[in-house]
Amino acid sequence: MQYKVIKTETEYNQALERLEKIFDALPGTVEGDELELLSLIIDSYEKEVSPIDLPDPIEAIKFRMEQLNFRPKDLAKVIGFRSRVTEVLSKKRKLSLDMIRRLNKDLHISTDVLIQEYK
C-alpha cells in the first residue's frame, strides 16, 4: 500500500481502519514497516488537527501533589513558606523562576508547563 500525508477526515478514518487490521504485525516484516509508517502519518495528522494543550501550571502542581500524596506543608519544603504555597495554589502569587526550578527538580514537572500563564 502506498501512503501520503493525511489531509482529510476520510483519509484519516481509512488509515485508522488499516492500522486496526495490521496492528499485530511483527517488527521487521512488510506489515510491521507499514504499521510503523502508518502510525507516524496518523500521529502527524492528529497533532495538526487537534493539538493537546499543556495543562494549567497550578493544576499540574496539584495533580503532582496528589500523585505524591503531598500536603501543602510538604510543598512548602520545595517552594518556601506555607503561606506562599497557599498563595500559589490559589493563584494569588505567580511562580518565581526559583520556584519553577525547584518544582522541576523536586517534583519533576516540566518547565514548559510551569512557565505558562495561569488560566
PDB file of N, CA and C in Angstrom:
ATOM      1  N   MET A   1       0.846  -1.179   0.000  1.00  0.00           N
ATOM      2  CA  MET A   1       0.000   0.000   0.000  1.00  0.00           C
ATOM      3  C   MET A   1       0.891   1.242   0.000  1.00  0.00           C
ATOM      4  N   GLN A   2       0.490   2.240  -0.745  1.00  0.00           N
ATOM      5  CA  GLN A   2       1.260   3.469  -0.841  1.00  0.00           C
ATOM      6  C   GLN A   2       0.615   4.536   0.050  1.00  0.00           C
ATOM      7  N   TYR A   3       1.451   5.269   0.792  1.00  0.00           N
ATOM      8  CA  TYR A   3       0.921   6.254   1.732  1.00  0.00           C
ATOM      9  C   TYR A   3       1.348   7.658   1.365  1.00  0.00           C
ATOM     10  N   LYS A   4       0.510   8.601   1.775  1.00  0.00           N
ATOM     11  CA  LYS A   4       0.782  10.022   1.596  1.00  0.00           C
ATOM     12  C   LYS A   4       0.305  10.737   2.847  1.00  0.00           C
ATOM     13  N   VAL A   5       0.562  11.987   2.930  1.00  0.00           N
ATOM     14  CA  VAL A   5       0.137  12.794   4.070  1.00  0.00           C
ATOM     15  C   VAL A   5      -1.385  12.798   4.126  1.00  0.00           C
ATOM     16  N   ILE A   6      -1.930  12.611   5.332  1.00  0.00           N
ATOM     17  CA  ILE A   6      -3.386  12.622   5.526  1.00  0.00           C
ATOM     18  C   ILE A   6      -3.858  14.078   5.552  1.00  0.00           C
ATOM     19  N   LYS A   7      -4.857  14.367   4.724  1.00  0.00           N
ATOM     20  CA  LYS A   7      -5.342  15.746   4.632  1.00  0.00           C
ATOM     21  C   LYS A   7      -6.821  15.890   4.980  1.00  0.00           C
ATOM     22  N   THR A   8      -7.557  14.781   4.979  1.00  0.00           N
ATOM     23  CA  THR A   8      -8.992  14.862   5.255  1.00  0.00           C
ATOM     24  C   THR A   8      -9.377  13.851   6.332  1.00  0.00           C
ATOM     25  N   GLU A   9     -10.547  14.058   6.884  1.00  0.00           N
ATOM     26  CA  GLU A   9     -11.041  13.136   7.903  1.00  0.00           C
ATOM     27  C   GLU A   9     -11.329  11.757   7.301  1.00  0.00           C
ATOM     28  N   THR A  10     -11.746  11.733   6.058  1.00  0.00           N
ATOM     29  CA  THR A  10     -11.997  10.457   5.376  1.00  0.00           C
ATOM     30  C   THR A  10     -10.702   9.661   5.255  1.00  0.00           C
ATOM     31  N   GLU A  11      -9.644  10.328   4.829  1.00  0.00           N
ATOM     32  CA  GLU A  11      -8.336   9.664   4.728  1.00  0.00           C
ATOM     33  C   GLU A  11      -7.864   9.196   6.104  1.00  0.00           C
ATOM     34  N   TYR A  12      -8.124  10.007   7.104  1.00  0.00           N
ATOM     35  CA  TYR A  12      -7.757   9.654   8.483  1.00  0.00           C
ATOM     36  C   TYR A  12      -8.490   8.384   8.925  1.00  0.00           C
ATOM     37  N   ASN A  13      -9.788   8.325   8.679  1.00  0.00           N
ATOM     38  CA  ASN A  13     -10.578   7.151   9.061  1.00  0.00           C
ATOM     39  C   ASN A  13     -10.127   5.900   8.306  1.00  0.00           C
ATOM     40  N   GLN A  14      -9.784   6.059   7.039  1.00  0.00           N
ATOM     41  CA  GLN A  14      -9.278   4.923   6.262  1.00  0.00           C
ATOM     42  C   GLN A  14      -7.949   4.426   6.838  1.00  0.00           C
ATOM     43  N   ALA A  15      -7.107   5.364   7.226  1.00  0.00           N
ATOM     44  CA  ALA A  15      -5.818   5.000   7.814  1.00  0.00           C
ATOM     45  C   ALA A  15      -6.017   4.270   9.136  1.00  0.00           C
ATOM     46  N   LEU A  16      -6.966   4.724   9.932  1.00  0.00           N
ATOM     47  CA  LEU A  16      -7.257   4.054  11.207  1.00  0.00           C
ATOM     48  C   LEU A  16      -7.762   2.631  10.991  1.00  0.00           C
ATOM     49  N   GLU A  17      -8.611   2.462   9.971  1.00  0.00           N
ATOM     50  CA  GLU A  17      -9.117   1.119   9.661  1.00  0.00           C
ATOM     51  C   GLU A  17      -7.980   0.187   9.267  1.00  0.00           C
ATOM     52  N   ARG A  18      -7.082   0.675   8.440  1.00  0.00           N
ATOM     53  CA  ARG A  18      -5.941  -0.145   8.016  1.00  0.00           C
ATOM     54  C   ARG A  18      -5.036  -0.443   9.214  1.00  0.00           C
ATOM     55  N   LEU A  19      -4.827   0.552  10.045  1.00  0.00           N
ATOM     56  CA  LEU A  19      -3.990   0.369  11.234  1.00  0.00           C
ATOM     57  C   LEU A  19      -4.556  -0.733  12.126  1.00  0.00           C
ATOM     58  N   GLU A  20      -5.852  -0.739  12.270  1.00  0.00           N
ATOM     59  CA  GLU A  20      -6.509  -1.754  13.099  1.00  0.00           C
ATOM     60  C   GLU A  20      -6.282  -3.153  12.529  1.00  0.00           C
ATOM     61  N   LYS A  21      -6.299  -3.287  11.194  1.00  0.00           N
ATOM     62  CA  LYS A  21      -6.116  -4.587  10.554  1.00  0.00           C
ATOM     63  C   LYS A  21      -4.698  -5.133  10.723  1.00  0.00           C
ATOM     64  N   ILE A  22      -3.711  -4.232  10.745  1.00  0.00           N
ATOM     65  CA  ILE A  22      -2.313  -4.694  10.806  1.00  0.00           C
ATOM     66  C   ILE A  22      -1.678  -4.447  12.176  1.00  0.00           C
ATOM     67  N   PHE A  23      -2.490  -4.146  13.160  1.00  0.00           N
ATOM     68  CA  PHE A  23      -1.992  -3.740  14.481  1.00  0.00           C
ATOM     69  C   PHE A  23      -1.037  -4.754  15.116  1.00  0.00           C
ATOM     70  N   ASP A  24      -1.239  -6.034  14.878  1.00  0.00           N
ATOM     71  CA  ASP A  24      -0.407  -7.069  15.492  1.00  0.00           C
ATOM     72  C   ASP A  24       0.763  -7.503  14.615  1.00  0.00           C
ATOM     73  N   ALA A  25       1.072  -6.718  13.592  1.00  0.00           N
ATOM     74  CA  ALA A  25       2.171  -7.072  12.693  1.00  0.00           C
ATOM     75  C   ALA A  25       3.499  -7.085  13.456  1.00  0.00           C
ATOM     76  N   LEU A  26       4.349  -8.005  13.079  1.00  0.00           N
ATOM     77  CA  LEU A  26       5.648  -8.148  13.737  1.00  0.00           C
ATOM     78  C   LEU A  26       6.658  -7.154  13.166  1.00  0.00           C
ATOM     79  N   PRO A  27       7.514  -6.587  14.025  1.00  0.00           N
ATOM     80  CA  PRO A  27       8.564  -5.683  13.543  1.00  0.00           C
ATOM     81  C   PRO A  27       9.476  -6.401  12.545  1.00  0.00           C
ATOM     82  N   GLY A  28       9.934  -5.670  11.554  1.00  0.00           N
ATOM     83  CA  GLY A  28      10.842  -6.239  10.571  1.00  0.00           C
ATOM     84  C   GLY A  28      10.156  -6.908   9.401  1.00  0.00           C
ATOM     85  N   THR A  29       8.819  -6.995   9.464  1.00  0.00           N
ATOM     86  CA  THR A  29       8.067  -7.552   8.342  1.00  0.00           C
ATOM     87  C   THR A  29       7.541  -6.409   7.487  1.00  0.00           C
ATOM     88  N   VAL A  30       7.042  -6.736   6.311  1.00  0.00           N
ATOM     89  CA  VAL A  30       6.464  -5.709   5.438  1.00  0.00           C
ATOM     90  C   VAL A  30       5.314  -5.010   6.154  1.00  0.00           C
ATOM     91  N   GLU A  31       4.432  -5.800   6.785  1.00  0.00           N
ATOM     92  CA  GLU A  31       3.309  -5.201   7.510  1.00  0.00           C
ATOM     93  C   GLU A  31       3.790  -4.443   8.744  1.00  0.00           C
ATOM     94  N   GLY A  32       4.852  -4.908   9.373  1.00  0.00           N
ATOM     95  CA  GLY A  32       5.408  -4.198  10.523  1.00  0.00           C
ATOM     96  C   GLY A  32       5.928  -2.831  10.127  1.00  0.00           C
ATOM     97  N   ASP A  33       6.610  -2.761   8.972  1.00  0.00           N
ATOM     98  CA  ASP A  33       7.088  -1.468   8.468  1.00  0.00           C
ATOM     99  C   ASP A  33       5.916  -0.567   8.099  1.00  0.00           C
ATOM    100  N   GLU A  34       4.883  -1.169   7.499  1.00  0.00           N
ATOM    101  CA  GLU A  34       3.683  -0.413   7.144  1.00  0.00           C
ATOM    102  C   GLU A  34       3.020   0.142   8.400  1.00  0.00           C
ATOM    103  N   LEU A  35       2.940  -0.674   9.438  1.00  0.00           N
ATOM    104  CA  LEU A  35       2.355  -0.254  10.721  1.00  0.00           C
ATOM    105  C   LEU A  35       3.106   0.944  11.292  1.00  0.00           C
ATOM    106  N   GLU A  36       4.425   0.877  11.262  1.00  0.00           N
ATOM    107  CA  GLU A  36       5.237   1.966  11.801  1.00  0.00           C
ATOM    108  C   GLU A  36       5.035   3.258  11.010  1.00  0.00           C
ATOM    109  N   LEU A  37       5.056   3.162   9.698  1.00  0.00           N
ATOM    110  CA  LEU A  37       4.855   4.337   8.847  1.00  0.00           C
ATOM    111  C   LEU A  37       3.456   4.915   9.022  1.00  0.00           C
ATOM    112  N   LEU A  38       2.462   4.045   9.019  1.00  0.00           N
ATOM    113  CA  LEU A  38       1.078   4.490   9.171  1.00  0.00           C
ATOM    114  C   LEU A  38       0.864   5.175  10.523  1.00  0.00           C
ATOM    115  N   SER A  39       1.487   4.653  11.567  1.00  0.00           N
ATOM    116  CA  SER A  39       1.385   5.265  12.899  1.00  0.00           C
ATOM    117  C   SER A  39       1.940   6.679  12.900  1.00  0.00           C
ATOM    118  N   LEU A  40       3.057   6.881  12.217  1.00  0.00           N
ATOM    119  CA  LEU A  40       3.668   8.212  12.139  1.00  0.00           C
ATOM    120  C   LEU A  40       2.780   9.190  11.376  1.00  0.00           C
ATOM    121  N   ILE A  41       2.201   8.725  10.286  1.00  0.00           N
ATOM    122  CA  ILE A  41       1.325   9.588   9.479  1.00  0.00           C
ATOM    123  C   ILE A  41       0.077   9.967  10.268  1.00  0.00           C
ATOM    124  N   ILE A  42      -0.510   9.005  10.949  1.00  0.00           N
ATOM    125  CA  ILE A  42      -1.710   9.265  11.762  1.00  0.00           C
ATOM    126  C   ILE A  42      -1.378  10.225  12.898  1.00  0.00           C
ATOM    127  N   ASP A  43      -0.269  10.008  13.563  1.00  0.00           N
ATOM    128  CA  ASP A  43       0.155  10.881  14.662  1.00  0.00           C
ATOM    129  C   ASP A  43       0.344  12.315  14.179  1.00  0.00           C
ATOM    130  N   SER A  44       0.966  12.475  13.033  1.00  0.00           N
ATOM    131  CA  SER A  44       1.182  13.810  12.465  1.00  0.00           C
ATOM    132  C   SER A  44      -0.151  14.513  12.202  1.00  0.00           C
ATOM    133  N   TYR A  45      -1.103  13.790  11.632  1.00  0.00           N
ATOM    134  CA  TYR A  45      -2.423  14.369  11.350  1.00  0.00           C
ATOM    135  C   TYR A  45      -3.125  14.770  12.647  1.00  0.00           C
ATOM    136  N   GLU A  46      -3.094  13.893  13.644  1.00  0.00           N
ATOM    137  CA  GLU A  46      -3.764  14.185  14.918  1.00  0.00           C
ATOM    138  C   GLU A  46      -3.160  15.399  15.608  1.00  0.00           C
ATOM    139  N   LYS A  47      -1.854  15.532  15.545  1.00  0.00           N
ATOM    140  CA  LYS A  47      -1.206  16.702  16.161  1.00  0.00           C
ATOM    141  C   LYS A  47      -1.592  17.990  15.457  1.00  0.00           C
ATOM    142  N   GLU A  48      -1.773  17.924  14.160  1.00  0.00           N
ATOM    143  CA  GLU A  48      -2.133  19.108  13.396  1.00  0.00           C
ATOM    144  C   GLU A  48      -3.604  19.491  13.588  1.00  0.00           C
ATOM    145  N   VAL A  49      -4.470  18.498  13.588  1.00  0.00           N
ATOM    146  CA  VAL A  49      -5.911  18.745  13.652  1.00  0.00           C
ATOM    147  C   VAL A  49      -6.385  19.067  15.067  1.00  0.00           C
ATOM    148  N   SER A  50      -5.879  18.343  16.039  1.00  0.00           N
ATOM    149  CA  SER A  50      -6.335  18.572  17.416  1.00  0.00           C
ATOM    150  C   SER A  50      -5.159  18.473  18.391  1.00  0.00           C
ATOM    151  N   PRO A  51      -4.331  19.524  18.389  1.00  0.00           N
ATOM    152  CA  PRO A  51      -3.187  19.509  19.303  1.00  0.00           C
ATOM    153  C   PRO A  51      -3.650  19.534  20.758  1.00  0.00           C
ATOM    154  N   ILE A  52      -2.862  18.910  21.604  1.00  0.00           N
ATOM    155  CA  ILE A  52      -3.184  18.864  23.022  1.00  0.00           C
ATOM    156  C   ILE A  52      -2.440  19.997  23.723  1.00  0.00           C
ATOM    157  N   ASP A  53      -3.198  20.863  24.380  1.00  0.00           N
ATOM    158  CA  ASP A  53      -2.593  21.973  25.107  1.00  0.00           C
ATOM    159  C   ASP A  53      -1.918  21.467  26.375  1.00  0.00           C
ATOM    160  N   LEU A  54      -0.933  22.223  26.808  1.00  0.00           N
ATOM    161  CA  LEU A  54      -0.294  21.911  28.079  1.00  0.00           C
ATOM    162  C   LEU A  54      -1.265  22.239  29.211  1.00  0.00           C
ATOM    163  N   PRO A  55      -1.170  21.530  30.321  1.00  0.00           N
ATOM    164  CA  PRO A  55      -2.078  21.808  31.436  1.00  0.00           C
ATOM    165  C   PRO A  55      -1.745  23.126  32.129  1.00  0.00           C
ATOM    166  N   ASP A  56      -2.714  23.637  32.844  1.00  0.00           N
ATOM    167  CA  ASP A  56      -2.521  24.820  33.674  1.00  0.00           C
ATOM    168  C   ASP A  56      -1.424  24.513  34.703  1.00  0.00           C
ATOM    169  N   PRO A  57      -0.470  25.423  34.921  1.00  0.00           N
ATOM    170  CA  PRO A  57       0.636  25.149  35.839  1.00  0.00           C
ATOM    171  C   PRO A  57       0.197  24.770  37.252  1.00  0.00           C
ATOM    172  N   ILE A  58      -0.784  25.472  37.780  1.00  0.00           N
ATOM    173  CA  ILE A  58      -1.216  25.202  39.155  1.00  0.00           C
ATOM    174  C   ILE A  58      -1.947  23.872  39.227  1.00  0.00           C
ATOM    175  N   GLU A  59      -2.746  23.575  38.218  1.00  0.00           N
ATOM    176  CA  GLU A  59      -3.426  22.280  38.188  1.00  0.00           C
ATOM    177  C   GLU A  59      -2.408  21.148  38.065  1.00  0.00           C
ATOM    178  N   ALA A  60      -1.331  21.390  37.338  1.00  0.00           N
ATOM    179  CA  ALA A  60      -0.271  20.385  37.214  1.00  0.00           C
ATOM    180  C   ALA A  60       0.413  20.153  38.563  1.00  0.00           C
ATOM    181  N   ILE A  61       0.632  21.219  39.306  1.00  0.00           N
ATOM    182  CA  ILE A  61       1.234  21.096  40.641  1.00  0.00           C
ATOM    183  C   ILE A  61       0.297  20.312  41.554  1.00  0.00           C
ATOM    184  N   LYS A  62      -0.979  20.672  41.530  1.00  0.00           N
ATOM    185  CA  LYS A  62      -1.956  19.965  42.377  1.00  0.00           C
ATOM    186  C   LYS A  62      -2.038  18.488  42.015  1.00  0.00           C
ATOM    187  N   PHE A  63      -2.017  18.196  40.733  1.00  0.00           N
ATOM    188  CA  PHE A  63      -2.079  16.810  40.280  1.00  0.00           C
ATOM    189  C   PHE A  63      -0.848  16.040  40.763  1.00  0.00           C
ATOM    190  N   ARG A  64       0.315  16.667  40.622  1.00  0.00           N
ATOM    191  CA  ARG A  64       1.551  16.001  41.065  1.00  0.00           C
ATOM    192  C   ARG A  64       1.562  15.824  42.570  1.00  0.00           C
ATOM    193  N   MET A  65       1.048  16.799  43.296  1.00  0.00           N
ATOM    194  CA  MET A  65       0.940  16.672  44.751  1.00  0.00           C
ATOM    195  C   MET A  65       0.075  15.467  45.117  1.00  0.00           C
ATOM    196  N   GLU A  66      -1.024  15.322  44.400  1.00  0.00           N
ATOM    197  CA  GLU A  66      -1.920  14.194  44.658  1.00  0.00           C
ATOM    198  C   GLU A  66      -1.216  12.868  44.375  1.00  0.00           C
ATOM    199  N   GLN A  67      -0.472  12.828  43.281  1.00  0.00           N
ATOM    200  CA  GLN A  67       0.260  11.607  42.942  1.00  0.00           C
ATOM    201  C   GLN A  67       1.277  11.233  44.022  1.00  0.00           C
ATOM    202  N   LEU A  68       1.916  12.241  44.589  1.00  0.00           N
ATOM    203  CA  LEU A  68       2.968  12.017  45.589  1.00  0.00           C
ATOM    204  C   LEU A  68       2.437  12.004  47.020  1.00  0.00           C
ATOM    205  N   ASN A  69       1.116  12.159  47.167  1.00  0.00           N
ATOM    206  CA  ASN A  69       0.490  12.271  48.492  1.00  0.00           C
ATOM    207  C   ASN A  69       1.095  13.425  49.301  1.00  0.00           C
ATOM    208  N   PHE A  70       1.349  14.527  48.599  1.00  0.00           N
ATOM    209  CA  PHE A  70       1.887  15.727  49.234  1.00  0.00           C
ATOM    210  C   PHE A  70       0.745  16.553  49.812  1.00  0.00           C
ATOM    211  N   ARG A  71       1.018  17.168  50.928  1.00  0.00           N
ATOM    212  CA  ARG A  71       0.113  18.164  51.500  1.00  0.00           C
ATOM    213  C   ARG A  71       0.798  19.516  51.337  1.00  0.00           C
ATOM    214  N   PRO A  72       0.081  20.595  51.555  1.00  0.00           N
ATOM    215  CA  PRO A  72       0.713  21.913  51.408  1.00  0.00           C
ATOM    216  C   PRO A  72       2.008  22.062  52.209  1.00  0.00           C
ATOM    217  N   LYS A  73       2.056  21.466  53.409  1.00  0.00           N
ATOM    218  CA  LYS A  73       3.290  21.603  54.191  1.00  0.00           C
ATOM    219  C   LYS A  73       4.461  20.884  53.522  1.00  0.00           C
ATOM    220  N   ASP A  74       4.167  19.794  52.763  1.00  0.00           N
ATOM    221  CA  ASP A  74       5.222  19.103  52.020  1.00  0.00           C
ATOM    222  C   ASP A  74       5.720  19.972  50.864  1.00  0.00           C
ATOM    223  N   LEU A  75       4.788  20.657  50.217  1.00  0.00           N
ATOM    224  CA  LEU A  75       5.167  21.536  49.114  1.00  0.00           C
ATOM    225  C   LEU A  75       5.950  22.741  49.616  1.00  0.00           C
ATOM    226  N   ALA A  76       5.688  23.144  50.851  1.00  0.00           N
ATOM    227  CA  ALA A  76       6.417  24.268  51.437  1.00  0.00           C
ATOM    228  C   ALA A  76       7.920  23.974  51.497  1.00  0.00           C
ATOM    229  N   LYS A  77       8.281  22.719  51.641  1.00  0.00           N
ATOM    230  CA  LYS A  77       9.698  22.336  51.656  1.00  0.00           C
ATOM    231  C   LYS A  77      10.340  22.553  50.289  1.00  0.00           C
ATOM    232  N   VAL A  78       9.514  22.576  49.261  1.00  0.00           N
ATOM    233  CA  VAL A  78      10.022  22.752  47.898  1.00  0.00           C
ATOM    234  C   VAL A  78      10.048  24.225  47.496  1.00  0.00           C
ATOM    235  N   ILE A  79       8.962  24.955  47.743  1.00  0.00           N
ATOM    236  CA  ILE A  79       8.897  26.335  47.228  1.00  0.00           C
ATOM    237  C   ILE A  79       8.929  27.413  48.300  1.00  0.00           C
ATOM    238  N   GLY A  80       8.988  27.051  49.546  1.00  0.00           N
ATOM    239  CA  GLY A  80       9.084  28.079  50.571  1.00  0.00           C
ATOM    240  C   GLY A  80       7.977  27.994  51.593  1.00  0.00           C
ATOM    241  N   PHE A  81       7.708  29.092  52.229  1.00  0.00           N
ATOM    242  CA  PHE A  81       6.761  29.164  53.340  1.00  0.00           C
ATOM    243  C   PHE A  81       5.384  28.601  52.992  1.00  0.00           C
ATOM    244  N   ARG A  82       4.697  28.128  54.006  1.00  0.00           N
ATOM    245  CA  ARG A  82       3.358  27.574  53.823  1.00  0.00           C
ATOM    246  C   ARG A  82       2.381  28.632  53.285  1.00  0.00           C
ATOM    247  N   SER A  83       2.538  29.863  53.735  1.00  0.00           N
ATOM    248  CA  SER A  83       1.674  30.933  53.236  1.00  0.00           C
ATOM    249  C   SER A  83       1.909  31.165  51.745  1.00  0.00           C
ATOM    250  N   ARG A  84       3.144  31.006  51.309  1.00  0.00           N
ATOM    251  CA  ARG A  84       3.474  31.150  49.890  1.00  0.00           C
ATOM    252  C   ARG A  84       2.800  30.034  49.083  1.00  0.00           C
ATOM    253  N   VAL A  85       2.792  28.832  49.631  1.00  0.00           N
ATOM    254  CA  VAL A  85       2.147  27.698  48.979  1.00  0.00           C
ATOM    255  C   VAL A  85       0.660  27.991  48.808  1.00  0.00           C
ATOM    256  N   THR A  86       0.031  28.487  49.838  1.00  0.00           N
ATOM    257  CA  THR A  86      -1.396  28.822  49.777  1.00  0.00           C
ATOM    258  C   THR A  86      -1.649  29.864  48.703  1.00  0.00           C
ATOM    259  N   GLU A  87      -0.812  30.881  48.642  1.00  0.00           N
ATOM    260  CA  GLU A  87      -0.977  31.933  47.627  1.00  0.00           C
ATOM    261  C   GLU A  87      -0.787  31.382  46.218  1.00  0.00           C
ATOM    262  N   VAL A  88       0.203  30.516  46.041  1.00  0.00           N
ATOM    263  CA  VAL A  88       0.459  29.932  44.716  1.00  0.00           C
ATOM    264  C   VAL A  88      -0.704  29.041  44.299  1.00  0.00           C
ATOM    265  N   LEU A  89      -1.133  28.162  45.195  1.00  0.00           N
ATOM    266  CA  LEU A  89      -2.201  27.220  44.850  1.00  0.00           C
ATOM    267  C   LEU A  89      -3.541  27.910  44.611  1.00  0.00           C
ATOM    268  N   SER A  90      -3.724  29.074  45.195  1.00  0.00           N
ATOM    269  CA  SER A  90      -4.960  29.834  44.958  1.00  0.00           C
ATOM    270  C   SER A  90      -4.792  30.852  43.814  1.00  0.00           C
ATOM    271  N   LYS A  91      -3.630  30.813  43.175  1.00  0.00           N
ATOM    272  CA  LYS A  91      -3.290  31.680  42.035  1.00  0.00           C
ATOM    273  C   LYS A  91      -3.228  33.160  42.395  1.00  0.00           C
ATOM    274  N   LYS A  92      -2.921  33.442  43.645  1.00  0.00           N
ATOM    275  CA  LYS A  92      -2.755  34.830  44.065  1.00  0.00           C
ATOM    276  C   LYS A  92      -1.303  35.268  43.933  1.00  0.00           C
ATOM    277  N   ARG A  93      -0.403  34.317  43.819  1.00  0.00           N
ATOM    278  CA  ARG A  93       1.018  34.606  43.641  1.00  0.00           C
ATOM    279  C   ARG A  93       1.520  33.812  42.446  1.00  0.00           C
ATOM    280  N   LYS A  94       2.244  34.484  41.579  1.00  0.00           N
ATOM    281  CA  LYS A  94       2.822  33.807  40.423  1.00  0.00           C
ATOM    282  C   LYS A  94       4.065  33.036  40.848  1.00  0.00           C
ATOM    283  N   LEU A  95       4.370  32.002  40.093  1.00  0.00           N
ATOM    284  CA  LEU A  95       5.570  31.225  40.362  1.00  0.00           C
ATOM    285  C   LEU A  95       6.799  32.044  39.984  1.00  0.00           C
ATOM    286  N   SER A  96       7.781  32.055  40.854  1.00  0.00           N
ATOM    287  CA  SER A  96       9.037  32.723  40.540  1.00  0.00           C
ATOM    288  C   SER A  96       9.923  31.752  39.766  1.00  0.00           C
ATOM    289  N   LEU A  97      10.968  32.257  39.169  1.00  0.00           N
ATOM    290  CA  LEU A  97      11.901  31.414  38.437  1.00  0.00           C
ATOM    291  C   LEU A  97      12.517  30.371  39.369  1.00  0.00           C
ATOM    292  N   ASP A  98      12.837  30.788  40.581  1.00  0.00           N
ATOM    293  CA  ASP A  98      13.412  29.866  41.557  1.00  0.00           C
ATOM    294  C   ASP A  98      12.422  28.753  41.917  1.00  0.00           C
ATOM    295  N   MET A  99      11.159  29.104  42.101  1.00  0.00           N
ATOM    296  CA  MET A  99      10.126  28.100  42.393  1.00  0.00           C
ATOM    297  C   MET A  99       9.994  27.119  41.233  1.00  0.00           C
ATOM    298  N   ILE A 100      10.000  27.644  40.017  1.00  0.00           N
ATOM    299  CA  ILE A 100       9.876  26.800  38.829  1.00  0.00           C
ATOM    300  C   ILE A 100      11.032  25.806  38.775  1.00  0.00           C
ATOM    301  N   ARG A 101      12.217  26.298  39.040  1.00  0.00           N
ATOM    302  CA  ARG A 101      13.390  25.407  39.023  1.00  0.00           C
ATOM    303  C   ARG A 101      13.260  24.305  40.067  1.00  0.00           C
ATOM    304  N   ARG A 102      12.820  24.669  41.271  1.00  0.00           N
ATOM    305  CA  ARG A 102      12.705  23.669  42.341  1.00  0.00           C
ATOM    306  C   ARG A 102      11.571  22.684  42.075  1.00  0.00           C
ATOM    307  N   LEU A 103      10.458  23.172  41.530  1.00  0.00           N
ATOM    308  CA  LEU A 103       9.339  22.277  41.191  1.00  0.00           C
ATOM    309  C   LEU A 103       9.755  21.298  40.093  1.00  0.00           C
ATOM    310  N   ASN A 104      10.511  21.799  39.145  1.00  0.00           N
ATOM    311  CA  ASN A 104      11.007  20.942  38.078  1.00  0.00           C
ATOM    312  C   ASN A 104      11.961  19.880  38.632  1.00  0.00           C
ATOM    313  N   LYS A 105      12.864  20.299  39.470  1.00  0.00           N
ATOM    314  CA  LYS A 105      13.878  19.387  40.012  1.00  0.00           C
ATOM    315  C   LYS A 105      13.279  18.392  41.006  1.00  0.00           C
ATOM    316  N   ASP A 106      12.477  18.871  41.936  1.00  0.00           N
ATOM    317  CA  ASP A 106      11.989  18.022  43.028  1.00  0.00           C
ATOM    318  C   ASP A 106      10.712  17.249  42.701  1.00  0.00           C
ATOM    319  N   LEU A 107       9.819  17.863  41.917  1.00  0.00           N
ATOM    320  CA  LEU A 107       8.551  17.198  41.602  1.00  0.00           C
ATOM    321  C   LEU A 107       8.507  16.688  40.166  1.00  0.00           C
ATOM    322  N   HIS A 108       9.537  17.007  39.389  1.00  0.00           N
ATOM    323  CA  HIS A 108       9.649  16.556  38.001  1.00  0.00           C
ATOM    324  C   HIS A 108       8.464  17.014  37.139  1.00  0.00           C
ATOM    325  N   ILE A 109       8.112  18.281  37.322  1.00  0.00           N
ATOM    326  CA  ILE A 109       7.092  18.895  36.476  1.00  0.00           C
ATOM    327  C   ILE A 109       7.828  19.679  35.403  1.00  0.00           C
ATOM    328  N   SER A 110       7.437  19.493  34.168  1.00  0.00           N
ATOM    329  CA  SER A 110       8.100  20.136  33.040  1.00  0.00           C
ATOM    330  C   SER A 110       8.105  21.659  33.180  1.00  0.00           C
ATOM    331  N   THR A 111       9.229  22.257  32.864  1.00  0.00           N
ATOM    332  CA  THR A 111       9.306  23.730  32.900  1.00  0.00           C
ATOM    333  C   THR A 111       8.387  24.336  31.845  1.00  0.00           C
ATOM    334  N   ASP A 112       8.158  23.613  30.737  1.00  0.00           N
ATOM    335  CA  ASP A 112       7.230  24.108  29.712  1.00  0.00           C
ATOM    336  C   ASP A 112       5.838  24.326  30.300  1.00  0.00           C
ATOM    337  N   VAL A 113       5.442  23.465  31.214  1.00  0.00           N
ATOM    338  CA  VAL A 113       4.140  23.589  31.871  1.00  0.00           C
ATOM    339  C   VAL A 113       4.177  24.733  32.875  1.00  0.00           C
ATOM    340  N   LEU A 114       5.227  24.787  33.677  1.00  0.00           N
ATOM    341  CA  LEU A 114       5.294  25.742  34.789  1.00  0.00           C
ATOM    342  C   LEU A 114       5.427  27.196  34.358  1.00  0.00           C
ATOM    343  N   ILE A 115       6.002  27.468  33.194  1.00  0.00           N
ATOM    344  CA  ILE A 115       6.221  28.867  32.803  1.00  0.00           C
ATOM    345  C   ILE A 115       5.013  29.499  32.127  1.00  0.00           C
ATOM    346  N   GLN A 116       3.972  28.729  31.885  1.00  0.00           N
ATOM    347  CA  GLN A 116       2.774  29.275  31.240  1.00  0.00           C
ATOM    348  C   GLN A 116       2.033  30.251  32.140  1.00  0.00           C
ATOM    349  N   GLU A 117       1.255  31.098  31.499  1.00  0.00           N
ATOM    350  CA  GLU A 117       0.364  31.991  32.231  1.00  0.00           C
ATOM    351  C   GLU A 117      -0.754  31.167  32.854  1.00  0.00           C
ATOM    352  N   TYR A 118      -1.237  31.604  34.000  1.00  0.00           N
ATOM    353  CA  TYR A 118      -2.357  30.909  34.647  1.00  0.00           C
ATOM    354  C   TYR A 118      -3.620  31.135  33.851  1.00  0.00           C
ATOM    355  N   LYS A 119      -4.485  30.152  33.873  1.00  0.00           N
ATOM    356  CA  LYS A 119      -5.782  30.266  33.178  1.00  0.00           C
ATOM    357  C   LYS A 119      -6.841  30.715  34.141  1.00  0.00           C
TER     358      LYS A 119
END
